[in-house]
């Protein structure tokens, strides 16, 4: 049994969004395989955007974010789902990550050298949806924003290994969507 935290990064609360269906499929696969699952839908959260370095480093963490930080400390595996918007994570999801992954929780600044990661011992899976065909995003655009999230945020904080699944052409009809839901459910069952 693996403890899994699902971060549903789609900012639109509309339950008809395909990204929410993917999160549901992953959760069903995980629960069906006897994993313990906790979920966070960032579309349901209310928090301010951090605008200054002082706010990021010194402002107290909000109770709603603090509860999610406890979930992150509890988990062994984090599954992150979000749609690609303007070539990157949606702004609301990025604002959430900035609130969640604060100094002295996710990493610690040191006098010299790189900051010390504090979230080791947790693996991660990132699932990105987009209208662009996945090979175009991977080869032509070199999956730049996904690589940035993996390297500059997740691995920087100590998560690893970090795996990903790119789901492109999401408006391509029901058949590929159904297949992707099945694939994601299998990932949930395997806690990967």
Protein backbone atom coordinates (compact mmCIF):
# COMPACT_ATOMS: atom_id res chain seq x y z
CA UNK A 1 0.00 0.00 0.00
CA UNK A 2 1.29 3.45 -0.96
CA UNK A 3 0.15 6.81 0.41
CA UNK A 4 -0.74 8.98 -2.61
CA UNK A 5 -1.51 12.70 -2.78
CA UNK A 6 -3.37 13.82 -5.91
CA UNK A 7 -3.00 17.47 -6.90
CA UNK A 8 -5.69 18.40 -9.40
CA UNK A 9 -4.20 21.55 -10.91
CA UNK A 10 -7.04 22.46 -13.27
CA UNK A 11 -8.22 25.92 -12.21
CA UNK A 12 -11.71 25.46 -13.70
CA UNK A 13 -14.06 23.84 -11.15
CA UNK A 14 -16.41 22.57 -13.90
CA UNK A 15 -16.62 18.79 -13.29
CA UNK A 16 -16.95 18.25 -17.07
CA UNK A 17 -13.26 19.12 -17.58
CA UNK A 18 -11.33 16.15 -18.90
CA UNK A 19 -8.48 16.80 -16.45
CA UNK A 20 -10.83 16.15 -13.52
CA UNK A 21 -11.90 12.85 -15.14
CA UNK A 22 -8.23 11.84 -15.37
CA UNK A 23 -7.75 12.57 -11.66
CA UNK A 24 -10.86 10.50 -10.89
CA UNK A 25 -9.53 7.60 -12.99
CA UNK A 26 -6.14 7.70 -11.26
CA UNK A 27 -7.84 7.77 -7.84
CA UNK A 28 -10.14 4.86 -8.73
CA UNK A 29 -7.19 2.79 -9.94
CA UNK A 30 -5.21 3.59 -6.79
CA UNK A 31 -8.05 2.88 -4.36
CA UNK A 32 -8.90 -0.31 -6.26
CA UNK A 33 -5.32 -1.47 -5.65
CA UNK A 34 -5.62 -0.70 -1.90
CA UNK A 35 -3.52 2.47 -1.93
CA UNK A 36 -4.47 5.28 0.44
CA UNK A 37 -5.42 8.45 -1.47
CA UNK A 38 -5.88 12.09 -0.54
CA UNK A 39 -6.96 14.72 -3.07
CA UNK A 40 -6.60 18.45 -3.52
CA UNK A 41 -8.56 20.40 -6.16
CA UNK A 42 -6.92 23.78 -6.52
CA UNK A 43 -10.05 25.11 -8.23
CA UNK A 44 -11.79 24.85 -4.84
CA UNK A 45 -9.11 26.74 -2.89
CA UNK A 46 -9.06 30.40 -1.93
CA UNK A 47 -5.67 31.98 -1.27
CA UNK A 48 -3.85 35.18 -2.23
CA UNK A 49 -1.12 35.34 -4.84
CA UNK A 50 2.33 35.96 -3.37
CA UNK A 51 3.68 39.16 -4.92
CA UNK A 52 6.97 39.87 -3.16
CA UNK A 53 10.00 37.96 -1.98
CA UNK A 54 9.18 39.04 1.58
CA UNK A 55 5.68 37.52 1.31
CA UNK A 56 7.13 34.28 -0.08
CA UNK A 57 9.78 33.97 2.62
CA UNK A 58 8.11 35.53 5.66
CA UNK A 59 4.30 35.55 5.43
CA UNK A 60 2.65 32.91 7.60
CA UNK A 61 1.30 29.93 5.71
CA UNK A 62 -2.50 29.95 5.47
CA UNK A 63 -4.33 27.16 7.37
CA UNK A 64 -5.71 25.67 4.12
CA UNK A 65 -2.17 25.49 2.67
CA UNK A 66 -0.74 24.20 5.94
CA UNK A 67 -3.20 21.29 5.83
CA UNK A 68 -2.00 20.42 2.32
CA UNK A 69 1.61 20.67 3.49
CA UNK A 70 0.77 18.05 6.14
CA UNK A 71 -0.67 15.87 3.36
CA UNK A 72 2.54 16.32 1.39
CA UNK A 73 4.62 15.22 4.38
CA UNK A 74 2.30 12.22 4.81
CA UNK A 75 2.52 11.06 1.19
CA UNK A 76 4.96 8.70 -0.48
CA UNK A 77 3.87 9.55 -4.03
CA UNK A 78 2.48 12.76 -5.52
CA UNK A 79 0.42 12.70 -8.72
CA UNK A 80 0.03 16.11 -10.34
CA UNK A 81 -2.49 16.83 -13.10
CA UNK A 82 -2.84 20.09 -15.03
CA UNK A 83 -3.72 21.43 -18.49
CA UNK A 84 -1.09 23.22 -20.55
CA UNK A 85 -2.13 26.87 -20.91
CA UNK A 86 -0.06 29.26 -23.02
CA UNK A 87 2.75 26.72 -22.99
CA UNK A 88 2.96 26.41 -19.20
CA UNK A 89 1.13 25.49 -16.00
CA UNK A 90 -1.97 27.63 -15.41
CA UNK A 91 -1.23 30.74 -13.33
CA UNK A 92 -3.57 29.66 -10.50
CA UNK A 93 -1.77 26.32 -10.17
CA UNK A 94 1.63 28.05 -10.18
CA UNK A 95 0.37 30.42 -7.46
CA UNK A 96 -0.70 27.35 -5.46
CA UNK A 97 2.76 25.78 -5.80
CA UNK A 98 4.34 29.03 -4.61
CA UNK A 99 2.11 28.98 -1.53
CA UNK A 100 2.70 25.26 -0.88
CA UNK A 101 6.44 24.92 -1.49
CA UNK A 102 7.71 27.61 0.83
CA UNK A 103 11.23 27.97 2.28
CA UNK A 104 11.85 25.87 5.41
CA UNK A 105 9.12 23.48 4.32
CA UNK A 106 10.08 22.30 0.82
CA UNK A 107 13.70 23.48 0.89
CA UNK A 108 16.08 25.38 3.14
CA UNK A 109 18.36 28.21 2.11
CA UNK A 110 21.99 27.72 3.16
CA UNK A 111 24.76 30.31 3.52
CA UNK A 112 26.72 28.93 0.58
CA UNK A 113 25.74 26.61 -2.22
CA UNK A 114 22.43 25.28 -3.40
CA UNK A 115 19.40 25.20 -1.11
CA UNK A 116 18.85 21.94 0.76
CA UNK A 117 15.83 19.92 -0.49
CA UNK A 118 13.48 18.84 2.29
CA UNK A 119 10.95 16.59 0.51
CA UNK A 120 13.15 13.60 -0.31
CA UNK A 121 11.69 10.12 -0.21
CA UNK A 122 8.65 10.95 -2.34
CA UNK A 123 8.17 10.05 -5.98
CA UNK A 124 6.06 12.08 -8.40
CA UNK A 125 3.99 11.61 -11.54
CA UNK A 126 3.03 14.61 -13.67
CA UNK A 127 0.15 14.28 -16.15
CA UNK A 128 -0.21 17.17 -18.59
CA UNK A 129 -3.12 17.59 -20.98
CA UNK A 130 -3.08 19.81 -24.06
CA UNK A 131 -4.67 20.37 -27.43
CA UNK A 132 -1.28 20.21 -29.11
CA UNK A 133 -0.28 16.73 -30.27
CA UNK A 134 2.07 15.22 -27.67
CA UNK A 135 4.93 14.61 -30.15
CA UNK A 136 4.85 18.26 -31.23
CA UNK A 137 5.10 19.43 -27.62
CA UNK A 138 7.84 16.90 -26.84
CA UNK A 139 9.98 17.24 -29.96
CA UNK A 140 9.34 20.69 -31.39
CA UNK A 141 8.88 22.56 -28.09
CA UNK A 142 11.06 20.09 -26.15
CA UNK A 143 8.45 19.93 -23.35
CA UNK A 144 10.10 23.06 -21.93
CA UNK A 145 7.56 23.93 -19.23
CA UNK A 146 7.18 20.31 -18.09
CA UNK A 147 10.96 20.00 -17.78
CA UNK A 148 11.02 23.24 -15.81
CA UNK A 149 8.37 21.96 -13.38
CA UNK A 150 10.20 18.66 -12.95
CA UNK A 151 13.70 20.12 -12.57
CA UNK A 152 13.20 23.57 -11.05
CA UNK A 153 10.37 22.79 -8.66
CA UNK A 154 9.85 19.09 -7.93
CA UNK A 155 13.44 17.81 -8.00
CA UNK A 156 14.67 21.09 -6.49
CA UNK A 157 12.49 20.27 -3.44
CA UNK A 158 13.78 16.68 -3.33
CA UNK A 159 11.02 14.71 -5.06
CA UNK A 160 12.22 11.84 -7.18
CA UNK A 161 11.99 9.95 -9.30
CA UNK A 162 9.69 12.24 -11.28
CA UNK A 163 7.86 10.64 -14.19
CA UNK A 164 5.44 12.20 -16.62
CA UNK A 165 2.69 11.42 -19.10
CA UNK A 166 1.82 13.88 -21.84
CA UNK A 167 -1.73 13.61 -23.16
CA UNK A 168 -2.04 15.60 -26.36
CA UNK A 169 -4.86 16.24 -28.80
CA UNK A 170 -7.42 16.07 -25.97
CA UNK A 171 -10.10 17.30 -28.35
CA UNK A 172 -9.43 14.28 -30.58
CA UNK A 173 -12.63 12.38 -29.81
CA UNK A 174 -13.89 9.89 -27.25
CA UNK A 175 -11.80 6.85 -28.25
CA UNK A 176 -8.38 8.28 -27.32
CA UNK A 177 -9.87 9.92 -24.21
CA UNK A 178 -11.26 6.60 -22.99
CA UNK A 179 -7.90 4.91 -23.61
CA UNK A 180 -6.08 7.63 -21.66
CA UNK A 181 -8.48 7.22 -18.74
CA UNK A 182 -7.65 3.50 -18.69
CA UNK A 183 -3.91 4.19 -18.87
CA UNK A 184 -4.09 6.69 -16.03
CA UNK A 185 -6.14 4.23 -13.92
CA UNK A 186 -3.34 1.69 -14.44
CA UNK A 187 -0.80 4.27 -13.26
CA UNK A 188 -2.91 4.82 -10.14
CA UNK A 189 -3.11 1.09 -9.46
CA UNK A 190 0.69 0.87 -9.77
CA UNK A 191 1.20 4.05 -7.68
CA UNK A 192 3.35 5.44 -10.49
